[in-house]
Amino acid sequence: MFAILSQSTQAEITIAVVGKTKNDTFYEQSYKGCVDFAKQHPNVECIYDGADDYQDFRTQSLIINELLSKKVDGLLISTTDSNYLVSRSLKKAKQLKIPVITFDSDLLTEHKDYRLAYVGTDNFAFGVALGEAAKPYKKAALQSFCIQTGHHSTPNLDKRINGVRYALSTHTIDNLTKTENDLKQGWQSTNDAHFTQWVNAKMR
């Protein structure tokens, strides 16, 4: 089930890398980094897993639980759904004293006790940069925009969306989730399913 590429056959420490999906080049590269570390430390072995074809928090939780049953020594996880993973998997990891580090996508603030650290992008700042980059394209007094992103439960993507909205609003904390403030600045967001389908068709 797992692709095990570490050269060591006598590894004392097993680290599992669990991405949102298994066939994404970003997570594959993250795993390669772990393997490179293992080559320099013969007592470390890296294993890799994730949902096969698309992001699914239930599958990710099942995989984590299976890794916990195998008594891995540490988990590197890109969070799909913080609430689900904590309730179904990470509470158990904490009970077993198996350390968890999140990367790329962190747990929600209220769940940070279930991981040691987060390694990755400041996703809110990333979203602000995207919003600032969009400003020069505003040509009308009221202009619609579409943010095409992944699953709404994914923490890092939500932070990026909030960053975009912040950049396009009046730059106060109260404006992060208020569409009215975006409209006052001449921006209008949409989550219309037909519009999203049209965008997808144009990108093929």
N, C-alpha and C. Protein backbone atom coordinates (compact mmCIF):
# COMPACT_ATOMS: atom_id res chain seq x y z
N MET A 1 0.83 -1.21 0.00
CA MET A 1 0.00 0.00 0.00
C MET A 1 0.86 1.25 0.00
N PHE A 2 1.93 1.21 0.72
CA PHE A 2 2.78 2.38 0.83
C PHE A 2 3.99 2.25 -0.11
N ALA A 3 4.39 3.38 -0.65
CA ALA A 3 5.63 3.42 -1.41
C ALA A 3 6.74 3.73 -0.45
N ILE A 4 7.66 2.79 -0.24
CA ILE A 4 8.73 2.96 0.73
C ILE A 4 10.05 3.01 -0.03
N LEU A 5 10.66 4.19 -0.01
CA LEU A 5 11.86 4.38 -0.79
C LEU A 5 13.10 4.57 0.04
N SER A 6 12.95 4.64 1.35
CA SER A 6 14.13 4.82 2.18
C SER A 6 15.08 3.65 2.01
N GLN A 7 16.38 3.92 2.01
CA GLN A 7 17.39 2.89 1.78
C GLN A 7 17.60 2.02 3.01
N SER A 8 17.15 2.50 4.17
CA SER A 8 17.43 1.77 5.40
C SER A 8 16.45 0.63 5.60
N THR A 9 16.96 -0.55 5.97
CA THR A 9 16.11 -1.68 6.30
C THR A 9 16.04 -1.88 7.80
N GLN A 10 16.82 -1.12 8.55
CA GLN A 10 16.85 -1.23 10.01
C GLN A 10 16.41 0.08 10.66
N ALA A 11 15.50 0.77 10.03
CA ALA A 11 15.09 2.08 10.53
C ALA A 11 14.44 1.96 11.90
N GLU A 12 14.81 2.86 12.77
CA GLU A 12 14.24 2.89 14.11
C GLU A 12 13.11 3.91 14.21
N ILE A 13 13.10 4.88 13.28
CA ILE A 13 12.09 5.94 13.28
C ILE A 13 11.37 5.95 11.93
N THR A 14 10.05 5.84 11.97
CA THR A 14 9.25 5.86 10.75
C THR A 14 8.40 7.13 10.72
N ILE A 15 8.58 7.92 9.67
CA ILE A 15 7.83 9.17 9.48
C ILE A 15 6.91 9.00 8.29
N ALA A 16 5.63 9.33 8.47
CA ALA A 16 4.66 9.22 7.39
C ALA A 16 4.28 10.61 6.87
N VAL A 17 4.33 10.77 5.56
CA VAL A 17 3.91 12.00 4.90
C VAL A 17 2.53 11.75 4.30
N VAL A 18 1.54 12.53 4.72
CA VAL A 18 0.17 12.34 4.25
C VAL A 18 -0.33 13.65 3.63
N GLY A 19 -0.40 13.70 2.31
CA GLY A 19 -0.89 14.88 1.62
C GLY A 19 -2.40 14.85 1.48
N LYS A 20 -2.95 15.89 0.91
CA LYS A 20 -4.40 15.91 0.64
C LYS A 20 -4.75 14.87 -0.41
N THR A 21 -3.87 14.73 -1.39
CA THR A 21 -4.00 13.67 -2.39
C THR A 21 -2.62 13.05 -2.61
N LYS A 22 -2.62 11.85 -3.14
CA LYS A 22 -1.36 11.13 -3.30
C LYS A 22 -0.67 11.44 -4.63
N ASN A 23 -1.44 11.80 -5.65
CA ASN A 23 -0.87 11.98 -6.99
C ASN A 23 -0.60 13.44 -7.33
N ASP A 24 -0.52 14.30 -6.33
CA ASP A 24 -0.22 15.72 -6.53
C ASP A 24 1.29 15.92 -6.44
N THR A 25 1.86 16.61 -7.43
CA THR A 25 3.32 16.76 -7.47
C THR A 25 3.86 17.52 -6.26
N PHE A 26 3.05 18.42 -5.68
CA PHE A 26 3.50 19.15 -4.50
C PHE A 26 3.79 18.19 -3.36
N TYR A 27 2.86 17.29 -3.10
CA TYR A 27 3.03 16.35 -1.99
C TYR A 27 4.08 15.29 -2.33
N GLU A 28 4.19 14.96 -3.60
CA GLU A 28 5.25 14.03 -4.02
C GLU A 28 6.62 14.63 -3.73
N GLN A 29 6.76 15.93 -4.01
CA GLN A 29 8.03 16.60 -3.74
C GLN A 29 8.30 16.70 -2.24
N SER A 30 7.25 16.91 -1.46
CA SER A 30 7.39 16.94 0.00
C SER A 30 7.91 15.60 0.50
N TYR A 31 7.38 14.52 -0.06
CA TYR A 31 7.83 13.19 0.31
C TYR A 31 9.29 12.97 -0.08
N LYS A 32 9.66 13.45 -1.26
CA LYS A 32 11.05 13.31 -1.70
C LYS A 32 12.00 14.02 -0.74
N GLY A 33 11.54 15.15 -0.20
CA GLY A 33 12.36 15.84 0.79
C GLY A 33 12.56 15.01 2.04
N CYS A 34 11.51 14.30 2.44
CA CYS A 34 11.62 13.41 3.60
C CYS A 34 12.57 12.26 3.30
N VAL A 35 12.47 11.70 2.10
CA VAL A 35 13.36 10.61 1.70
C VAL A 35 14.81 11.07 1.69
N ASP A 36 15.04 12.30 1.19
CA ASP A 36 16.40 12.84 1.16
C ASP A 36 16.94 12.98 2.58
N PHE A 37 16.09 13.41 3.50
CA PHE A 37 16.49 13.50 4.91
C PHE A 37 16.83 12.12 5.44
N ALA A 38 16.03 11.12 5.07
CA ALA A 38 16.25 9.76 5.56
C ALA A 38 17.57 9.19 5.05
N LYS A 39 17.98 9.58 3.86
CA LYS A 39 19.24 9.09 3.32
C LYS A 39 20.43 9.59 4.15
N GLN A 40 20.24 10.74 4.75
CA GLN A 40 21.30 11.30 5.59
C GLN A 40 21.23 10.79 7.03
N HIS A 41 20.14 10.12 7.35
CA HIS A 41 19.94 9.60 8.71
C HIS A 41 19.45 8.16 8.59
N PRO A 42 20.36 7.19 8.57
CA PRO A 42 20.02 5.80 8.30
C PRO A 42 18.99 5.19 9.25
N ASN A 43 18.78 5.80 10.39
CA ASN A 43 17.79 5.24 11.33
C ASN A 43 16.38 5.76 11.06
N VAL A 44 16.20 6.55 9.98
CA VAL A 44 14.90 7.12 9.64
C VAL A 44 14.38 6.50 8.35
N GLU A 45 13.09 6.21 8.33
CA GLU A 45 12.41 5.70 7.15
C GLU A 45 11.19 6.58 6.87
N CYS A 46 10.96 6.90 5.62
CA CYS A 46 9.80 7.71 5.23
C CYS A 46 8.81 6.87 4.43
N ILE A 47 7.54 7.02 4.73
CA ILE A 47 6.49 6.39 3.94
C ILE A 47 5.51 7.48 3.50
N TYR A 48 4.76 7.19 2.47
CA TYR A 48 3.94 8.22 1.82
C TYR A 48 2.56 7.67 1.50
N ASP A 49 1.52 8.45 1.77
CA ASP A 49 0.17 8.02 1.42
C ASP A 49 -0.76 9.22 1.33
N GLY A 50 -1.94 8.97 0.83
CA GLY A 50 -2.96 10.01 0.68
C GLY A 50 -4.07 9.47 -0.20
N ALA A 51 -5.15 10.23 -0.31
CA ALA A 51 -6.24 9.84 -1.22
C ALA A 51 -5.69 9.74 -2.64
N ASP A 52 -6.11 8.72 -3.38
CA ASP A 52 -5.49 8.43 -4.68
C ASP A 52 -5.71 9.50 -5.74
N ASP A 53 -6.94 9.93 -5.94
CA ASP A 53 -7.24 10.77 -7.11
C ASP A 53 -7.75 12.17 -6.78
N TYR A 54 -8.38 12.34 -5.64
CA TYR A 54 -8.94 13.66 -5.32
C TYR A 54 -8.99 13.83 -3.81
N GLN A 55 -9.06 15.08 -3.38
CA GLN A 55 -9.06 15.39 -1.96
C GLN A 55 -10.32 14.86 -1.29
N ASP A 56 -10.13 14.10 -0.21
CA ASP A 56 -11.26 13.57 0.53
C ASP A 56 -10.86 13.42 1.99
N PHE A 57 -11.48 14.20 2.87
CA PHE A 57 -11.06 14.20 4.27
C PHE A 57 -11.36 12.88 4.98
N ARG A 58 -12.40 12.18 4.53
CA ARG A 58 -12.69 10.88 5.14
C ARG A 58 -11.60 9.87 4.83
N THR A 59 -11.17 9.84 3.56
CA THR A 59 -10.09 8.94 3.17
C THR A 59 -8.81 9.29 3.90
N GLN A 60 -8.51 10.59 4.01
CA GLN A 60 -7.30 11.01 4.70
C GLN A 60 -7.33 10.55 6.16
N SER A 61 -8.48 10.67 6.79
CA SER A 61 -8.62 10.24 8.18
C SER A 61 -8.40 8.74 8.32
N LEU A 62 -8.98 7.96 7.41
CA LEU A 62 -8.81 6.50 7.44
C LEU A 62 -7.34 6.12 7.28
N ILE A 63 -6.65 6.82 6.39
CA ILE A 63 -5.22 6.55 6.18
C ILE A 63 -4.42 6.88 7.43
N ILE A 64 -4.73 8.01 8.05
CA ILE A 64 -4.02 8.39 9.28
C ILE A 64 -4.26 7.35 10.37
N ASN A 65 -5.49 6.89 10.50
CA ASN A 65 -5.81 5.89 11.52
C ASN A 65 -5.05 4.58 11.27
N GLU A 66 -4.92 4.22 10.00
CA GLU A 66 -4.17 3.01 9.68
C GLU A 66 -2.70 3.17 10.04
N LEU A 67 -2.16 4.35 9.77
CA LEU A 67 -0.77 4.62 10.13
C LEU A 67 -0.58 4.61 11.65
N LEU A 68 -1.56 5.11 12.37
CA LEU A 68 -1.49 5.08 13.83
C LEU A 68 -1.49 3.64 14.34
N SER A 69 -2.29 2.80 13.69
CA SER A 69 -2.33 1.39 14.10
C SER A 69 -1.01 0.68 13.82
N LYS A 70 -0.26 1.19 12.85
CA LYS A 70 1.05 0.62 12.53
C LYS A 70 2.15 1.20 13.42
N LYS A 71 1.75 2.11 14.32
CA LYS A 71 2.68 2.70 15.29
C LYS A 71 3.83 3.47 14.62
N VAL A 72 3.47 4.32 13.64
CA VAL A 72 4.50 5.19 13.07
C VAL A 72 4.99 6.12 14.17
N ASP A 73 6.17 6.68 13.98
CA ASP A 73 6.76 7.52 15.02
C ASP A 73 6.42 9.00 14.87
N GLY A 74 5.97 9.39 13.69
CA GLY A 74 5.62 10.78 13.46
C GLY A 74 4.80 10.93 12.20
N LEU A 75 3.96 11.99 12.15
CA LEU A 75 3.10 12.25 11.00
C LEU A 75 3.32 13.67 10.49
N LEU A 76 3.47 13.79 9.18
CA LEU A 76 3.52 15.09 8.50
C LEU A 76 2.25 15.16 7.66
N ILE A 77 1.34 16.09 7.99
CA ILE A 77 0.00 16.09 7.39
C ILE A 77 -0.34 17.45 6.79
N SER A 78 -0.88 17.43 5.56
CA SER A 78 -1.50 18.61 4.98
C SER A 78 -3.00 18.50 5.23
N THR A 79 -3.53 19.39 6.03
CA THR A 79 -4.90 19.28 6.55
C THR A 79 -5.96 19.48 5.47
N THR A 80 -6.89 18.53 5.40
CA THR A 80 -8.05 18.69 4.52
C THR A 80 -9.21 19.34 5.27
N ASP A 81 -9.60 18.75 6.39
CA ASP A 81 -10.70 19.26 7.20
C ASP A 81 -10.29 19.16 8.66
N SER A 82 -10.01 20.30 9.28
CA SER A 82 -9.47 20.32 10.63
C SER A 82 -10.41 19.66 11.64
N ASN A 83 -11.69 20.02 11.60
CA ASN A 83 -12.65 19.47 12.55
C ASN A 83 -12.74 17.96 12.45
N TYR A 84 -12.82 17.46 11.23
CA TYR A 84 -12.98 16.02 11.03
C TYR A 84 -11.72 15.26 11.45
N LEU A 85 -10.56 15.76 11.03
CA LEU A 85 -9.31 15.05 11.35
C LEU A 85 -9.05 15.02 12.85
N VAL A 86 -9.33 16.12 13.52
CA VAL A 86 -9.10 16.14 14.97
C VAL A 86 -10.01 15.15 15.68
N SER A 87 -11.30 15.19 15.34
CA SER A 87 -12.26 14.34 16.04
C SER A 87 -12.08 12.86 15.71
N ARG A 88 -11.66 12.55 14.47
CA ARG A 88 -11.59 11.16 14.04
C ARG A 88 -10.19 10.55 14.10
N SER A 89 -9.14 11.38 14.16
CA SER A 89 -7.79 10.83 14.06
C SER A 89 -6.77 11.45 15.02
N LEU A 90 -6.72 12.77 15.06
CA LEU A 90 -5.62 13.43 15.76
C LEU A 90 -5.75 13.38 17.28
N LYS A 91 -6.96 13.25 17.79
CA LYS A 91 -7.10 13.03 19.23
C LYS A 91 -6.45 11.70 19.62
N LYS A 92 -6.63 10.71 18.76
CA LYS A 92 -6.01 9.41 19.01
C LYS A 92 -4.50 9.51 18.93
N ALA A 93 -4.00 10.25 17.94
CA ALA A 93 -2.55 10.43 17.80
C ALA A 93 -1.97 11.07 19.06
N LYS A 94 -2.69 12.04 19.61
CA LYS A 94 -2.22 12.70 20.83
C LYS A 94 -2.23 11.73 22.01
N GLN A 95 -3.25 10.90 22.10
CA GLN A 95 -3.32 9.90 23.16
C GLN A 95 -2.17 8.90 23.07
N LEU A 96 -1.80 8.57 21.83
CA LEU A 96 -0.70 7.62 21.60
C LEU A 96 0.67 8.29 21.69
N LYS A 97 0.65 9.62 21.88
CA LYS A 97 1.89 10.40 21.96
C LYS A 97 2.70 10.31 20.66
N ILE A 98 1.99 10.27 19.54
CA ILE A 98 2.63 10.29 18.23
C ILE A 98 2.61 11.73 17.72
N PRO A 99 3.77 12.36 17.55
CA PRO A 99 3.82 13.78 17.17
C PRO A 99 3.31 14.02 15.75
N VAL A 100 2.65 15.16 15.59
CA VAL A 100 2.10 15.56 14.29
C VAL A 100 2.63 16.95 13.94
N ILE A 101 3.12 17.09 12.73
CA ILE A 101 3.49 18.40 12.18
C ILE A 101 2.65 18.62 10.93
N THR A 102 1.97 19.75 10.84
CA THR A 102 1.20 20.05 9.64
C THR A 102 2.07 20.86 8.67
N PHE A 103 1.81 20.68 7.38
CA PHE A 103 2.52 21.46 6.36
C PHE A 103 1.54 21.84 5.27
N ASP A 104 1.80 22.92 4.58
CA ASP A 104 0.96 23.42 3.49
C ASP A 104 -0.38 23.95 4.00
N SER A 105 -1.11 23.12 4.75
CA SER A 105 -2.42 23.50 5.27
C SER A 105 -2.48 23.15 6.75
N ASP A 106 -2.63 24.18 7.60
CA ASP A 106 -2.58 23.99 9.04
C ASP A 106 -3.95 23.62 9.61
N LEU A 107 -3.95 23.17 10.86
CA LEU A 107 -5.20 23.00 11.59
C LEU A 107 -5.77 24.37 11.95
N LEU A 108 -7.05 24.40 12.29
CA LEU A 108 -7.65 25.64 12.75
C LEU A 108 -7.02 26.05 14.07
N THR A 109 -7.13 27.34 14.39
CA THR A 109 -6.50 27.88 15.60
C THR A 109 -6.90 27.09 16.84
N GLU A 110 -8.17 26.74 16.94
CA GLU A 110 -8.64 26.04 18.14
C GLU A 110 -8.15 24.60 18.24
N HIS A 111 -7.49 24.12 17.19
CA HIS A 111 -7.00 22.73 17.17
C HIS A 111 -5.48 22.63 17.24
N LYS A 112 -4.80 23.73 17.47
CA LYS A 112 -3.34 23.72 17.38
C LYS A 112 -2.66 22.88 18.44
N ASP A 113 -3.39 22.52 19.48
CA ASP A 113 -2.81 21.64 20.50
C ASP A 113 -2.59 20.22 19.98
N TYR A 114 -3.14 19.94 18.79
CA TYR A 114 -3.02 18.59 18.24
C TYR A 114 -1.88 18.47 17.22
N ARG A 115 -1.05 19.49 17.15
CA ARG A 115 0.15 19.39 16.31
C ARG A 115 1.29 20.14 16.99
N LEU A 116 2.52 19.76 16.66
CA LEU A 116 3.69 20.41 17.26
C LEU A 116 4.01 21.73 16.58
N ALA A 117 3.85 21.76 15.25
CA ALA A 117 4.23 22.94 14.49
C ALA A 117 3.56 22.92 13.12
N TYR A 118 3.56 24.06 12.48
CA TYR A 118 3.11 24.18 11.09
C TYR A 118 4.26 24.69 10.24
N VAL A 119 4.48 24.05 9.10
CA VAL A 119 5.52 24.46 8.17
C VAL A 119 4.85 24.77 6.83
N GLY A 120 4.95 26.02 6.39
CA GLY A 120 4.33 26.35 5.11
C GLY A 120 4.12 27.83 4.91
N THR A 121 3.33 28.15 3.91
CA THR A 121 3.05 29.52 3.50
C THR A 121 2.16 30.22 4.52
N ASP A 122 2.37 31.53 4.67
CA ASP A 122 1.39 32.36 5.37
C ASP A 122 0.25 32.57 4.37
N ASN A 123 -0.78 31.75 4.49
CA ASN A 123 -1.82 31.71 3.46
C ASN A 123 -2.66 32.98 3.39
N PHE A 124 -2.85 33.65 4.51
CA PHE A 124 -3.57 34.92 4.48
C PHE A 124 -2.79 35.96 3.69
N ALA A 125 -1.48 36.05 3.96
CA ALA A 125 -0.62 36.99 3.23
C ALA A 125 -0.59 36.65 1.73
N PHE A 126 -0.62 35.36 1.43
CA PHE A 126 -0.65 34.91 0.03
C PHE A 126 -1.92 35.44 -0.65
N GLY A 127 -3.06 35.32 0.06
CA GLY A 127 -4.31 35.82 -0.50
C GLY A 127 -4.30 37.33 -0.68
N VAL A 128 -3.72 38.06 0.28
CA VAL A 128 -3.61 39.51 0.16
C VAL A 128 -2.82 39.87 -1.10
N ALA A 129 -1.74 39.15 -1.34
CA ALA A 129 -0.92 39.42 -2.54
C ALA A 129 -1.73 39.18 -3.81
N LEU A 130 -2.55 38.12 -3.82
CA LEU A 130 -3.41 37.86 -4.99
C LEU A 130 -4.41 38.99 -5.19
N GLY A 131 -5.01 39.46 -4.09
CA GLY A 131 -5.97 40.55 -4.19
C GLY A 131 -5.33 41.83 -4.71
N GLU A 132 -4.14 42.13 -4.21
CA GLU A 132 -3.43 43.33 -4.68
C GLU A 132 -3.11 43.21 -6.17
N ALA A 133 -2.77 41.99 -6.61
CA ALA A 133 -2.45 41.78 -8.02
C ALA A 133 -3.69 41.94 -8.90
N ALA A 134 -4.87 41.70 -8.32
CA ALA A 134 -6.11 41.82 -9.10
C ALA A 134 -6.58 43.26 -9.25
N LYS A 135 -6.17 44.13 -8.35
CA LYS A 135 -6.68 45.51 -8.35
C LYS A 135 -6.48 46.26 -9.67
N PRO A 136 -5.33 46.13 -10.34
CA PRO A 136 -5.15 46.86 -11.60
C PRO A 136 -6.13 46.47 -12.70
N TYR A 137 -6.80 45.32 -12.56
CA TYR A 137 -7.72 44.85 -13.60
C TYR A 137 -9.14 45.36 -13.38
N LYS A 138 -9.34 46.17 -12.37
CA LYS A 138 -10.66 46.74 -12.11
C LYS A 138 -10.93 47.85 -13.12
N LYS A 139 -11.94 47.64 -13.97
CA LYS A 139 -12.22 48.60 -15.04
C LYS A 139 -13.57 49.30 -14.88
N ALA A 140 -14.44 48.72 -14.04
CA ALA A 140 -15.78 49.30 -13.88
C ALA A 140 -16.01 49.70 -12.43
N ALA A 141 -17.03 50.56 -12.22
CA ALA A 141 -17.34 51.00 -10.87
C ALA A 141 -17.71 49.83 -9.98
N LEU A 142 -18.49 48.89 -10.54
CA LEU A 142 -18.85 47.67 -9.83
C LEU A 142 -18.44 46.50 -10.71
N GLN A 143 -17.51 45.71 -10.26
CA GLN A 143 -16.95 44.65 -11.09
C GLN A 143 -16.98 43.33 -10.34
N SER A 144 -17.49 42.29 -11.01
CA SER A 144 -17.56 40.96 -10.41
C SER A 144 -16.21 40.26 -10.51
N PHE A 145 -15.97 39.35 -9.58
CA PHE A 145 -14.78 38.52 -9.68
C PHE A 145 -15.12 37.14 -9.15
N CYS A 146 -14.40 36.16 -9.61
CA CYS A 146 -14.62 34.77 -9.20
C CYS A 146 -13.32 34.21 -8.64
N ILE A 147 -13.40 33.60 -7.46
CA ILE A 147 -12.26 32.88 -6.89
C ILE A 147 -12.53 31.40 -7.07
N GLN A 148 -11.77 30.76 -7.92
CA GLN A 148 -11.94 29.33 -8.13
C GLN A 148 -10.95 28.59 -7.24
N THR A 149 -11.44 27.80 -6.31
CA THR A 149 -10.58 27.18 -5.32
C THR A 149 -11.05 25.76 -5.05
N GLY A 150 -10.51 25.15 -3.99
CA GLY A 150 -10.84 23.77 -3.67
C GLY A 150 -11.98 23.67 -2.67
N HIS A 151 -11.97 22.62 -1.89
CA HIS A 151 -13.05 22.34 -0.95
C HIS A 151 -13.12 23.41 0.14
N HIS A 152 -14.34 23.80 0.49
CA HIS A 152 -14.53 24.91 1.45
C HIS A 152 -14.03 24.57 2.85
N SER A 153 -13.81 23.29 3.14
CA SER A 153 -13.36 22.91 4.49
C SER A 153 -11.84 22.98 4.65
N THR A 154 -11.12 23.27 3.57
CA THR A 154 -9.66 23.25 3.62
C THR A 154 -9.13 24.55 4.22
N PRO A 155 -8.45 24.49 5.37
CA PRO A 155 -8.04 25.72 6.07
C PRO A 155 -7.17 26.66 5.27
N ASN A 156 -6.17 26.15 4.54
CA ASN A 156 -5.26 27.07 3.85
C ASN A 156 -5.97 27.83 2.73
N LEU A 157 -6.90 27.17 2.05
CA LEU A 157 -7.61 27.85 0.96
C LEU A 157 -8.57 28.90 1.50
N ASP A 158 -9.21 28.61 2.62
CA ASP A 158 -10.08 29.61 3.23
C ASP A 158 -9.30 30.85 3.64
N LYS A 159 -8.09 30.65 4.17
CA LYS A 159 -7.27 31.80 4.57
C LYS A 159 -6.87 32.63 3.35
N ARG A 160 -6.59 31.96 2.24
CA ARG A 160 -6.24 32.70 1.02
C ARG A 160 -7.42 33.52 0.51
N ILE A 161 -8.62 32.94 0.56
CA ILE A 161 -9.82 33.67 0.14
C ILE A 161 -10.03 34.89 1.03
N ASN A 162 -9.87 34.71 2.34
CA ASN A 162 -10.00 35.84 3.26
C ASN A 162 -8.97 36.92 2.96
N GLY A 163 -7.77 36.51 2.57
CA GLY A 163 -6.73 37.46 2.22
C GLY A 163 -7.08 38.26 0.98
N VAL A 164 -7.65 37.59 -0.02
CA VAL A 164 -8.09 38.27 -1.25
C VAL A 164 -9.16 39.30 -0.91
N ARG A 165 -10.15 38.88 -0.14
CA ARG A 165 -11.24 39.78 0.22
C ARG A 165 -10.74 40.97 1.04
N TYR A 166 -9.78 40.70 1.91
CA TYR A 166 -9.20 41.77 2.71
C TYR A 166 -8.53 42.81 1.82
N ALA A 167 -7.76 42.32 0.84
CA ALA A 167 -7.05 43.25 -0.06
C ALA A 167 -8.02 44.08 -0.88
N LEU A 168 -9.17 43.51 -1.23
CA LEU A 168 -10.14 44.21 -2.07
C LEU A 168 -11.14 45.03 -1.26
N SER A 169 -11.04 44.97 0.05
CA SER A 169 -11.96 45.70 0.91
C SER A 169 -11.25 46.93 1.48
N THR A 170 -11.75 47.42 2.61
CA THR A 170 -11.18 48.63 3.20
C THR A 170 -10.06 48.32 4.18
N HIS A 171 -9.57 47.08 4.17
CA HIS A 171 -8.41 46.69 4.97
C HIS A 171 -8.63 46.81 6.48
N THR A 172 -9.81 46.46 6.94
CA THR A 172 -10.03 46.35 8.38
C THR A 172 -10.48 44.94 8.69
N ILE A 173 -10.16 44.47 9.87
CA ILE A 173 -10.45 43.09 10.24
C ILE A 173 -11.93 42.76 10.10
N ASP A 174 -12.81 43.74 10.38
CA ASP A 174 -14.25 43.50 10.31
C ASP A 174 -14.72 43.19 8.90
N ASN A 175 -13.89 43.47 7.91
CA ASN A 175 -14.33 43.30 6.52
C ASN A 175 -14.04 41.91 5.96
N LEU A 176 -13.41 41.06 6.71
CA LEU A 176 -12.94 39.79 6.16
C LEU A 176 -14.07 38.92 5.63
N THR A 177 -15.22 38.94 6.27
CA THR A 177 -16.29 38.03 5.85
C THR A 177 -17.56 38.77 5.47
N LYS A 178 -17.46 40.07 5.17
CA LYS A 178 -18.65 40.84 4.85
C LYS A 178 -18.64 41.25 3.38
N THR A 179 -19.51 40.59 2.60
CA THR A 179 -19.59 40.91 1.17
C THR A 179 -19.96 42.37 0.96
N GLU A 180 -20.78 42.94 1.86
CA GLU A 180 -21.21 44.33 1.69
C GLU A 180 -20.02 45.28 1.56
N ASN A 181 -18.97 45.04 2.29
CA ASN A 181 -17.81 45.91 2.24
C ASN A 181 -17.08 45.80 0.91
N ASP A 182 -17.08 44.57 0.34
CA ASP A 182 -16.49 44.42 -0.98
C ASP A 182 -17.29 45.22 -2.00
N LEU A 183 -18.63 45.19 -1.87
CA LEU A 183 -19.47 45.90 -2.82
C LEU A 183 -19.24 47.40 -2.73
N LYS A 184 -19.01 47.92 -1.53
CA LYS A 184 -18.76 49.35 -1.37
C LYS A 184 -17.49 49.78 -2.09
N GLN A 185 -16.55 48.85 -2.24
CA GLN A 185 -15.31 49.17 -2.92
C GLN A 185 -15.40 48.89 -4.42
N GLY A 186 -16.59 48.49 -4.89
CA GLY A 186 -16.79 48.27 -6.31
C GLY A 186 -16.43 46.87 -6.78
N TRP A 187 -16.45 45.91 -5.84
CA TRP A 187 -16.17 44.52 -6.20
C TRP A 187 -17.38 43.66 -5.83
N GLN A 188 -17.65 42.68 -6.63
CA GLN A 188 -18.75 41.78 -6.33
C GLN A 188 -18.28 40.35 -6.55
N SER A 189 -18.38 39.52 -5.52
CA SER A 189 -17.95 38.12 -5.65
C SER A 189 -19.13 37.25 -6.02
N THR A 190 -18.85 36.08 -6.58
CA THR A 190 -19.91 35.16 -6.97
C THR A 190 -19.49 33.74 -6.67
N ASN A 191 -20.46 32.92 -6.27
CA ASN A 191 -20.21 31.48 -6.12
C ASN A 191 -21.21 30.71 -6.96
N ASP A 192 -21.69 31.35 -8.03
CA ASP A 192 -22.67 30.74 -8.90
C ASP A 192 -22.11 29.49 -9.58
N ALA A 193 -22.80 28.38 -9.46
CA ALA A 193 -22.31 27.10 -9.99
C ALA A 193 -22.21 27.13 -11.51
N HIS A 194 -23.17 27.79 -12.18
CA HIS A 194 -23.12 27.85 -13.65
C HIS A 194 -21.92 28.64 -14.14
N PHE A 195 -21.58 29.71 -13.41
CA PHE A 195 -20.41 30.50 -13.79
C PHE A 195 -19.15 29.66 -13.64
N THR A 196 -19.06 28.89 -12.55
CA THR A 196 -17.89 28.04 -12.32
C THR A 196 -17.77 26.99 -13.42
N GLN A 197 -18.91 26.41 -13.83
CA GLN A 197 -18.89 25.43 -14.92
C GLN A 197 -18.40 26.07 -16.21
N TRP A 198 -18.81 27.32 -16.45
CA TRP A 198 -18.38 28.03 -17.65
C TRP A 198 -16.87 28.24 -17.63
N VAL A 199 -16.33 28.64 -16.46
CA VAL A 199 -14.89 28.84 -16.33
C VAL A 199 -14.15 27.55 -16.60
N ASN A 200 -14.64 26.43 -16.01
CA ASN A 200 -13.99 25.14 -16.21
C ASN A 200 -13.97 24.75 -17.67
N ALA A 201 -15.09 25.02 -18.37
CA ALA A 201 -15.17 24.67 -19.80
C ALA A 201 -14.17 25.48 -20.61
N LYS A 202 -13.99 26.76 -20.26
CA LYS A 202 -13.06 27.62 -20.98
C LYS A 202 -11.60 27.20 -20.75
N MET A 203 -11.34 26.56 -19.62
CA MET A 203 -9.96 26.19 -19.29
C MET A 203 -9.54 24.86 -19.91
N ARG A 204 -10.50 24.11 -20.45
CA ARG A 204 -10.16 22.80 -21.03
C ARG A 204 -9.47 22.92 -22.36
